[in-house]
Amino acid sequence: VGTRPGLALNDPLSQGWGWWWFSNIEFRDERVVLNASYLPAGTYEYVYALRVSVPGVYNVIPPTVREFYFPEVFGSGAGSTFTVSAAE
């Protein structure tokens, strides 16, 4: 999601192109924690599946991101709610 960085044909890696991945992923009861040693500027979408067993209205906490040693560098998104209905 987002726009691709411009590509300088003489050095594509300097424009943000290249391989990176999350170095650690933790699935917890109340959140998912992702760690990356390198994260290019931009907008990201992380998708995961949930198995819901109890009907109700649930809050989705807003996503947040911050640098470990520089917490003044951060980003966040919007939270939401979703409803799980009982099976008929």
PDB file of N, CA and C in Angstrom:
ATOM      1  N   VAL A   1       0.856  -1.166   0.000  1.00  0.00           N
ATOM      2  CA  VAL A   1       0.000   0.000   0.000  1.00  0.00           C
ATOM      3  C   VAL A   1       0.897   1.221   0.000  1.00  0.00           C
ATOM      4  N   GLY A   2       0.544   2.225  -0.756  1.00  0.00           N
ATOM      5  CA  GLY A   2       1.341   3.433  -0.815  1.00  0.00           C
ATOM      6  C   GLY A   2       1.942   3.610  -2.190  1.00  0.00           C
ATOM      7  N   THR A   3       2.827   4.568  -2.310  1.00  0.00           N
ATOM      8  CA  THR A   3       3.460   4.820  -3.596  1.00  0.00           C
ATOM      9  C   THR A   3       4.872   4.279  -3.584  1.00  0.00           C
ATOM     10  N   ARG A   4       5.294   3.820  -4.735  1.00  0.00           N
ATOM     11  CA  ARG A   4       6.656   3.302  -4.854  1.00  0.00           C
ATOM     12  C   ARG A   4       7.634   4.468  -4.917  1.00  0.00           C
ATOM     13  N   PRO A   5       8.824   4.285  -4.332  1.00  0.00           N
ATOM     14  CA  PRO A   5       9.820   5.352  -4.449  1.00  0.00           C
ATOM     15  C   PRO A   5      10.311   5.446  -5.883  1.00  0.00           C
ATOM     16  N   GLY A   6      10.814   6.623  -6.267  1.00  0.00           N
ATOM     17  CA  GLY A   6      11.386   6.778  -7.600  1.00  0.00           C
ATOM     18  C   GLY A   6      12.603   5.877  -7.755  1.00  0.00           C
ATOM     19  N   LEU A   7      12.858   5.415  -8.952  1.00  0.00           N
ATOM     20  CA  LEU A   7      13.944   4.469  -9.191  1.00  0.00           C
ATOM     21  C   LEU A   7      15.050   5.146  -9.982  1.00  0.00           C
ATOM     22  N   ALA A   8      16.219   5.285  -9.359  1.00  0.00           N
ATOM     23  CA  ALA A   8      17.393   5.780 -10.064  1.00  0.00           C
ATOM     24  C   ALA A   8      18.072   4.563 -10.684  1.00  0.00           C
ATOM     25  N   LEU A   9      18.130   4.507 -11.992  1.00  0.00           N
ATOM     26  CA  LEU A   9      18.633   3.313 -12.668  1.00  0.00           C
ATOM     27  C   LEU A   9      20.068   2.978 -12.302  1.00  0.00           C
ATOM     28  N   ASN A  10      20.850   3.966 -11.896  1.00  0.00           N
ATOM     29  CA  ASN A  10      22.239   3.682 -11.560  1.00  0.00           C
ATOM     30  C   ASN A  10      22.407   3.092 -10.160  1.00  0.00           C
ATOM     31  N   ASP A  11      21.457   3.288  -9.241  1.00  0.00           N
ATOM     32  CA  ASP A  11      21.567   2.735  -7.888  1.00  0.00           C
ATOM     33  C   ASP A  11      20.180   2.545  -7.276  1.00  0.00           C
ATOM     34  N   PRO A  12      19.481   1.453  -7.625  1.00  0.00           N
ATOM     35  CA  PRO A  12      18.114   1.265  -7.113  1.00  0.00           C
ATOM     36  C   PRO A  12      18.032   1.137  -5.595  1.00  0.00           C
ATOM     37  N   LEU A  13      19.062   0.616  -4.928  1.00  0.00           N
ATOM     38  CA  LEU A  13      19.002   0.447  -3.476  1.00  0.00           C
ATOM     39  C   LEU A  13      18.992   1.786  -2.745  1.00  0.00           C
ATOM     40  N   SER A  14      19.572   2.814  -3.344  1.00  0.00           N
ATOM     41  CA  SER A  14      19.574   4.125  -2.689  1.00  0.00           C
ATOM     42  C   SER A  14      18.185   4.749  -2.674  1.00  0.00           C
ATOM     43  N   GLN A  15      17.270   4.253  -3.492  1.00  0.00           N
ATOM     44  CA  GLN A  15      15.915   4.786  -3.562  1.00  0.00           C
ATOM     45  C   GLN A  15      14.926   3.979  -2.733  1.00  0.00           C
ATOM     46  N   GLY A  16      15.418   3.081  -1.875  1.00  0.00           N
ATOM     47  CA  GLY A  16      14.527   2.311  -1.019  1.00  0.00           C
ATOM     48  C   GLY A  16      14.176   0.940  -1.553  1.00  0.00           C
ATOM     49  N   TRP A  17      14.667   0.592  -2.726  1.00  0.00           N
ATOM     50  CA  TRP A  17      14.388  -0.730  -3.282  1.00  0.00           C
ATOM     51  C   TRP A  17      15.366  -1.729  -2.708  1.00  0.00           C
ATOM     52  N   GLY A  18      14.915  -2.896  -2.421  1.00  0.00           N
ATOM     53  CA  GLY A  18      15.780  -3.936  -1.878  1.00  0.00           C
ATOM     54  C   GLY A  18      14.976  -4.851  -0.983  1.00  0.00           C
ATOM     55  N   TRP A  19      15.616  -5.825  -0.408  1.00  0.00           N
ATOM     56  CA  TRP A  19      14.951  -6.824   0.412  1.00  0.00           C
ATOM     57  C   TRP A  19      15.029  -6.438   1.880  1.00  0.00           C
ATOM     58  N   TRP A  20      13.944  -6.550   2.589  1.00  0.00           N
ATOM     59  CA  TRP A  20      13.915  -6.403   4.045  1.00  0.00           C
ATOM     60  C   TRP A  20      12.751  -7.225   4.540  1.00  0.00           C
ATOM     61  N   TRP A  21      12.745  -7.523   5.808  1.00  0.00           N
ATOM     62  CA  TRP A  21      11.670  -8.304   6.401  1.00  0.00           C
ATOM     63  C   TRP A  21      11.649  -8.044   7.891  1.00  0.00           C
ATOM     64  N   PHE A  22      10.552  -8.426   8.537  1.00  0.00           N
ATOM     65  CA  PHE A  22      10.485  -8.290   9.983  1.00  0.00           C
ATOM     66  C   PHE A  22      11.404  -9.319  10.624  1.00  0.00           C
ATOM     67  N   SER A  23      12.267  -8.870  11.514  1.00  0.00           N
ATOM     68  CA  SER A  23      13.231  -9.766  12.151  1.00  0.00           C
ATOM     69  C   SER A  23      12.612 -10.589  13.265  1.00  0.00           C
ATOM     70  N   ASN A  24      11.468 -10.149  13.781  1.00  0.00           N
ATOM     71  CA  ASN A  24      10.802 -10.882  14.858  1.00  0.00           C
ATOM     72  C   ASN A  24       9.310 -10.575  14.807  1.00  0.00           C
ATOM     73  N   ILE A  25       8.477 -11.608  14.937  1.00  0.00           N
ATOM     74  CA  ILE A  25       7.026 -11.439  14.977  1.00  0.00           C
ATOM     75  C   ILE A  25       6.508 -12.192  16.194  1.00  0.00           C
ATOM     76  N   GLU A  26       5.775 -11.503  17.053  1.00  0.00           N
ATOM     77  CA  GLU A  26       5.203 -12.122  18.256  1.00  0.00           C
ATOM     78  C   GLU A  26       3.687 -11.998  18.207  1.00  0.00           C
ATOM     79  N   PHE A  27       3.001 -13.129  18.329  1.00  0.00           N
ATOM     80  CA  PHE A  27       1.542 -13.133  18.406  1.00  0.00           C
ATOM     81  C   PHE A  27       1.160 -13.251  19.874  1.00  0.00           C
ATOM     82  N   ARG A  28       0.517 -12.230  20.400  1.00  0.00           N
ATOM     83  CA  ARG A  28       0.089 -12.219  21.798  1.00  0.00           C
ATOM     84  C   ARG A  28      -1.431 -12.204  21.845  1.00  0.00           C
ATOM     85  N   ASP A  29      -1.990 -12.400  23.032  1.00  0.00           N
ATOM     86  CA  ASP A  29      -3.447 -12.423  23.165  1.00  0.00           C
ATOM     87  C   ASP A  29      -4.087 -11.112  22.733  1.00  0.00           C
ATOM     88  N   GLU A  30      -3.450 -10.001  23.044  1.00  0.00           N
ATOM     89  CA  GLU A  30      -4.062  -8.699  22.802  1.00  0.00           C
ATOM     90  C   GLU A  30      -3.414  -7.904  21.675  1.00  0.00           C
ATOM     91  N   ARG A  31      -2.352  -8.435  21.040  1.00  0.00           N
ATOM     92  CA  ARG A  31      -1.676  -7.677  19.990  1.00  0.00           C
ATOM     93  C   ARG A  31      -0.708  -8.557  19.210  1.00  0.00           C
ATOM     94  N   VAL A  32      -0.232  -8.007  18.116  1.00  0.00           N
ATOM     95  CA  VAL A  32       0.838  -8.609  17.328  1.00  0.00           C
ATOM     96  C   VAL A  32       1.990  -7.618  17.361  1.00  0.00           C
ATOM     97  N   VAL A  33       3.194  -8.090  17.669  1.00  0.00           N
ATOM     98  CA  VAL A  33       4.368  -7.224  17.752  1.00  0.00           C
ATOM     99  C   VAL A  33       5.309  -7.588  16.609  1.00  0.00           C
ATOM    100  N   LEU A  34       5.685  -6.591  15.806  1.00  0.00           N
ATOM    101  CA  LEU A  34       6.601  -6.785  14.686  1.00  0.00           C
ATOM    102  C   LEU A  34       7.851  -5.957  14.938  1.00  0.00           C
ATOM    103  N   ASN A  35       9.016  -6.546  14.722  1.00  0.00           N
ATOM    104  CA  ASN A  35      10.279  -5.826  14.865  1.00  0.00           C
ATOM    105  C   ASN A  35      11.026  -5.886  13.541  1.00  0.00           C
ATOM    106  N   ALA A  36      11.609  -4.765  13.150  1.00  0.00           N
ATOM    107  CA  ALA A  36      12.402  -4.702  11.926  1.00  0.00           C
ATOM    108  C   ALA A  36      13.633  -3.855  12.190  1.00  0.00           C
ATOM    109  N   SER A  37      14.780  -4.323  11.728  1.00  0.00           N
ATOM    110  CA  SER A  37      15.993  -3.527  11.881  1.00  0.00           C
ATOM    111  C   SER A  37      16.068  -2.443  10.811  1.00  0.00           C
ATOM    112  N   TYR A  38      15.281  -2.594   9.741  1.00  0.00           N
ATOM    113  CA  TYR A  38      15.222  -1.588   8.681  1.00  0.00           C
ATOM    114  C   TYR A  38      13.788  -1.517   8.182  1.00  0.00           C
ATOM    115  N   LEU A  39      13.239  -0.324   8.104  1.00  0.00           N
ATOM    116  CA  LEU A  39      11.875  -0.143   7.621  1.00  0.00           C
ATOM    117  C   LEU A  39      11.828   1.134   6.784  1.00  0.00           C
ATOM    118  N   PRO A  40      11.795   0.995   5.461  1.00  0.00           N
ATOM    119  CA  PRO A  40      11.774   2.179   4.606  1.00  0.00           C
ATOM    120  C   PRO A  40      10.539   3.038   4.877  1.00  0.00           C
ATOM    121  N   ALA A  41      10.642   4.310   4.636  1.00  0.00           N
ATOM    122  CA  ALA A  41       9.506   5.219   4.812  1.00  0.00           C
ATOM    123  C   ALA A  41       8.367   4.794   3.903  1.00  0.00           C
ATOM    124  N   GLY A  42       7.152   4.955   4.375  1.00  0.00           N
ATOM    125  CA  GLY A  42       5.998   4.614   3.554  1.00  0.00           C
ATOM    126  C   GLY A  42       4.832   4.158   4.397  1.00  0.00           C
ATOM    127  N   THR A  43       3.817   3.636   3.738  1.00  0.00           N
ATOM    128  CA  THR A  43       2.621   3.125   4.389  1.00  0.00           C
ATOM    129  C   THR A  43       2.619   1.614   4.258  1.00  0.00           C
ATOM    130  N   TYR A  44       2.302   0.920   5.349  1.00  0.00           N
ATOM    131  CA  TYR A  44       2.339  -0.539   5.353  1.00  0.00           C
ATOM    132  C   TYR A  44       1.009  -1.108   5.790  1.00  0.00           C
ATOM    133  N   GLU A  45       0.703  -2.282   5.275  1.00  0.00           N
ATOM    134  CA  GLU A  45      -0.501  -3.006   5.668  1.00  0.00           C
ATOM    135  C   GLU A  45      -0.077  -4.413   6.058  1.00  0.00           C
ATOM    136  N   TYR A  46      -0.413  -4.825   7.277  1.00  0.00           N
ATOM    137  CA  TYR A  46      -0.106  -6.168   7.766  1.00  0.00           C
ATOM    138  C   TYR A  46      -1.433  -6.878   7.998  1.00  0.00           C
ATOM    139  N   VAL A  47      -1.623  -8.022   7.376  1.00  0.00           N
ATOM    140  CA  VAL A  47      -2.894  -8.738   7.432  1.00  0.00           C
ATOM    141  C   VAL A  47      -2.684 -10.066   8.148  1.00  0.00           C
ATOM    142  N   TYR A  48      -3.596 -10.397   9.051  1.00  0.00           N
ATOM    143  CA  TYR A  48      -3.538 -11.681   9.737  1.00  0.00           C
ATOM    144  C   TYR A  48      -4.953 -12.167  10.006  1.00  0.00           C
ATOM    145  N   ALA A  49      -5.104 -13.458  10.230  1.00  0.00           N
ATOM    146  CA  ALA A  49      -6.420 -14.064  10.439  1.00  0.00           C
ATOM    147  C   ALA A  49      -6.678 -14.275  11.926  1.00  0.00           C
ATOM    148  N   LEU A  50      -7.932 -14.140  12.310  1.00  0.00           N
ATOM    149  CA  LEU A  50      -8.362 -14.384  13.686  1.00  0.00           C
ATOM    150  C   LEU A  50      -9.375 -15.516  13.696  1.00  0.00           C
ATOM    151  N   ARG A  51      -9.358 -16.301  14.743  1.00  0.00           N
ATOM    152  CA  ARG A  51     -10.403 -17.295  14.953  1.00  0.00           C
ATOM    153  C   ARG A  51     -11.218 -16.825  16.151  1.00  0.00           C
ATOM    154  N   VAL A  52     -12.448 -16.450  15.906  1.00  0.00           N
ATOM    155  CA  VAL A  52     -13.300 -15.879  16.945  1.00  0.00           C
ATOM    156  C   VAL A  52     -14.262 -16.944  17.435  1.00  0.00           C
ATOM    157  N   SER A  53     -14.390 -17.077  18.760  1.00  0.00           N
ATOM    158  CA  SER A  53     -15.264 -18.115  19.314  1.00  0.00           C
ATOM    159  C   SER A  53     -16.372 -17.558  20.205  1.00  0.00           C
ATOM    160  N   VAL A  54     -16.310 -16.285  20.542  1.00  0.00           N
ATOM    161  CA  VAL A  54     -17.307 -15.695  21.437  1.00  0.00           C
ATOM    162  C   VAL A  54     -17.962 -14.504  20.739  1.00  0.00           C
ATOM    163  N   PRO A  55     -19.294 -14.533  20.559  1.00  0.00           N
ATOM    164  CA  PRO A  55     -19.978 -13.393  19.941  1.00  0.00           C
ATOM    165  C   PRO A  55     -19.834 -12.142  20.807  1.00  0.00           C
ATOM    166  N   GLY A  56     -19.834 -10.988  20.161  1.00  0.00           N
ATOM    167  CA  GLY A  56     -19.756  -9.727  20.891  1.00  0.00           C
ATOM    168  C   GLY A  56     -19.222  -8.614  20.024  1.00  0.00           C
ATOM    169  N   VAL A  57     -19.048  -7.453  20.634  1.00  0.00           N
ATOM    170  CA  VAL A  57     -18.473  -6.288  19.969  1.00  0.00           C
ATOM    171  C   VAL A  57     -17.060  -6.123  20.506  1.00  0.00           C
ATOM    172  N   TYR A  58     -16.088  -6.008  19.609  1.00  0.00           N
ATOM    173  CA  TYR A  58     -14.683  -5.962  19.994  1.00  0.00           C
ATOM    174  C   TYR A  58     -14.027  -4.689  19.473  1.00  0.00           C
ATOM    175  N   ASN A  59     -13.101  -4.162  20.251  1.00  0.00           N
ATOM    176  CA  ASN A  59     -12.321  -2.994  19.853  1.00  0.00           C
ATOM    177  C   ASN A  59     -11.023  -3.455  19.210  1.00  0.00           C
ATOM    178  N   VAL A  60     -10.650  -2.787  18.141  1.00  0.00           N
ATOM    179  CA  VAL A  60      -9.360  -3.014  17.498  1.00  0.00           C
ATOM    180  C   VAL A  60      -8.470  -1.853  17.914  1.00  0.00           C
ATOM    181  N   ILE A  61      -7.394  -2.150  18.642  1.00  0.00           N
ATOM    182  CA  ILE A  61      -6.530  -1.065  19.099  1.00  0.00           C
ATOM    183  C   ILE A  61      -5.808  -0.444  17.900  1.00  0.00           C
ATOM    184  N   PRO A  62      -5.555   0.847  17.940  1.00  0.00           N
ATOM    185  CA  PRO A  62      -4.878   1.502  16.819  1.00  0.00           C
ATOM    186  C   PRO A  62      -3.448   0.981  16.668  1.00  0.00           C
ATOM    187  N   PRO A  63      -2.982   0.814  15.440  1.00  0.00           N
ATOM    188  CA  PRO A  63      -1.592   0.412  15.244  1.00  0.00           C
ATOM    189  C   PRO A  63      -0.657   1.565  15.603  1.00  0.00           C
ATOM    190  N   THR A  64       0.470   1.238  16.174  1.00  0.00           N
ATOM    191  CA  THR A  64       1.493   2.240  16.480  1.00  0.00           C
ATOM    192  C   THR A  64       2.851   1.694  16.072  1.00  0.00           C
ATOM    193  N   VAL A  65       3.742   2.590  15.730  1.00  0.00           N
ATOM    194  CA  VAL A  65       5.110   2.212  15.386  1.00  0.00           C
ATOM    195  C   VAL A  65       6.032   3.284  15.948  1.00  0.00           C
ATOM    196  N   ARG A  66       7.186   2.848  16.430  1.00  0.00           N
ATOM    197  CA  ARG A  66       8.163   3.802  16.958  1.00  0.00           C
ATOM    198  C   ARG A  66       9.552   3.188  16.896  1.00  0.00           C
ATOM    199  N   GLU A  67      10.538   4.063  16.828  1.00  0.00           N
ATOM    200  CA  GLU A  67      11.919   3.598  16.868  1.00  0.00           C
ATOM    201  C   GLU A  67      12.284   3.284  18.311  1.00  0.00           C
ATOM    202  N   PHE A  68      12.995   2.183  18.501  1.00  0.00           N
ATOM    203  CA  PHE A  68      13.322   1.721  19.846  1.00  0.00           C
ATOM    204  C   PHE A  68      14.158   2.749  20.611  1.00  0.00           C
ATOM    205  N   TYR A  69      15.205   3.254  19.994  1.00  0.00           N
ATOM    206  CA  TYR A  69      16.095   4.188  20.686  1.00  0.00           C
ATOM    207  C   TYR A  69      15.717   5.654  20.481  1.00  0.00           C
ATOM    208  N   PHE A  70      14.769   5.910  19.589  1.00  0.00           N
ATOM    209  CA  PHE A  70      14.334   7.280  19.315  1.00  0.00           C
ATOM    210  C   PHE A  70      12.809   7.320  19.324  1.00  0.00           C
ATOM    211  N   PRO A  71      12.171   7.250  20.510  1.00  0.00           N
ATOM    212  CA  PRO A  71      10.705   7.186  20.568  1.00  0.00           C
ATOM    213  C   PRO A  71      10.008   8.430  20.022  1.00  0.00           C
ATOM    214  N   GLU A  72      10.757   9.520  19.807  1.00  0.00           N
ATOM    215  CA  GLU A  72      10.131  10.706  19.225  1.00  0.00           C
ATOM    216  C   GLU A  72       9.836  10.504  17.733  1.00  0.00           C
ATOM    217  N   VAL A  73      10.408   9.458  17.135  1.00  0.00           N
ATOM    218  CA  VAL A  73      10.092   9.084  15.754  1.00  0.00           C
ATOM    219  C   VAL A  73       9.025   8.003  15.829  1.00  0.00           C
ATOM    220  N   PHE A  74       7.802   8.333  15.409  1.00  0.00           N
ATOM    221  CA  PHE A  74       6.700   7.385  15.582  1.00  0.00           C
ATOM    222  C   PHE A  74       5.636   7.589  14.513  1.00  0.00           C
ATOM    223  N   GLY A  75       4.701   6.665  14.465  1.00  0.00           N
ATOM    224  CA  GLY A  75       3.544   6.758  13.578  1.00  0.00           C
ATOM    225  C   GLY A  75       2.395   5.996  14.204  1.00  0.00           C
ATOM    226  N   SER A  76       1.190   6.271  13.743  1.00  0.00           N
ATOM    227  CA  SER A  76       0.026   5.560  14.275  1.00  0.00           C
ATOM    228  C   SER A  76      -1.090   5.548  13.243  1.00  0.00           C
ATOM    229  N   GLY A  77      -2.083   4.729  13.508  1.00  0.00           N
ATOM    230  CA  GLY A  77      -3.244   4.615  12.631  1.00  0.00           C
ATOM    231  C   GLY A  77      -4.517   4.709  13.452  1.00  0.00           C
ATOM    232  N   ALA A  78      -5.637   4.445  12.814  1.00  0.00           N
ATOM    233  CA  ALA A  78      -6.937   4.544  13.479  1.00  0.00           C
ATOM    234  C   ALA A  78      -7.369   3.193  14.036  1.00  0.00           C
ATOM    235  N   GLY A  79      -8.030   3.204  15.174  1.00  0.00           N
ATOM    236  CA  GLY A  79      -8.639   2.007  15.732  1.00  0.00           C
ATOM    237  C   GLY A  79     -10.032   1.827  15.154  1.00  0.00           C
ATOM    238  N   SER A  80     -10.672   0.739  15.507  1.00  0.00           N
ATOM    239  CA  SER A  80     -12.034   0.499  15.021  1.00  0.00           C
ATOM    240  C   SER A  80     -12.708  -0.533  15.920  1.00  0.00           C
ATOM    241  N   THR A  81     -13.908  -0.911  15.563  1.00  0.00           N
ATOM    242  CA  THR A  81     -14.616  -1.983  16.267  1.00  0.00           C
ATOM    243  C   THR A  81     -15.151  -2.962  15.234  1.00  0.00           C
ATOM    244  N   PHE A  82     -15.397  -4.195  15.674  1.00  0.00           N
ATOM    245  CA  PHE A  82     -16.081  -5.153  14.819  1.00  0.00           C
ATOM    246  C   PHE A  82     -16.998  -6.005  15.676  1.00  0.00           C
ATOM    247  N   THR A  83     -18.038  -6.539  15.049  1.00  0.00           N
ATOM    248  CA  THR A  83     -19.060  -7.307  15.750  1.00  0.00           C
ATOM    249  C   THR A  83     -19.049  -8.745  15.259  1.00  0.00           C
ATOM    250  N   VAL A  84     -19.082  -9.674  16.210  1.00  0.00           N
ATOM    251  CA  VAL A  84     -19.179 -11.099  15.900  1.00  0.00           C
ATOM    252  C   VAL A  84     -20.565 -11.550  16.323  1.00  0.00           C
ATOM    253  N   SER A  85     -21.332 -12.070  15.376  1.00  0.00           N
ATOM    254  CA  SER A  85     -22.695 -12.534  15.654  1.00  0.00           C
ATOM    255  C   SER A  85     -22.698 -14.025  15.958  1.00  0.00           C
ATOM    256  N   ALA A  86     -23.669 -14.449  16.756  1.00  0.00           N
ATOM    257  CA  ALA A  86     -23.810 -15.872  17.075  1.00  0.00           C
ATOM    258  C   ALA A  86     -24.227 -16.638  15.824  1.00  0.00           C
ATOM    259  N   ALA A  87     -23.727 -17.861  15.699  1.00  0.00           N
ATOM    260  CA  ALA A  87     -24.102 -18.715  14.564  1.00  0.00           C
ATOM    261  C   ALA A  87     -25.576 -19.082  14.667  1.00  0.00           C
ATOM    262  N   GLU A  88     -26.223 -19.157  13.536  1.00  0.00           N
ATOM    263  CA  GLU A  88     -27.654 -19.493  13.541  1.00  0.00           C
ATOM    264  C   GLU A  88     -27.861 -20.969  13.328  1.00  0.00           C
TER     265      GLU A  88
END
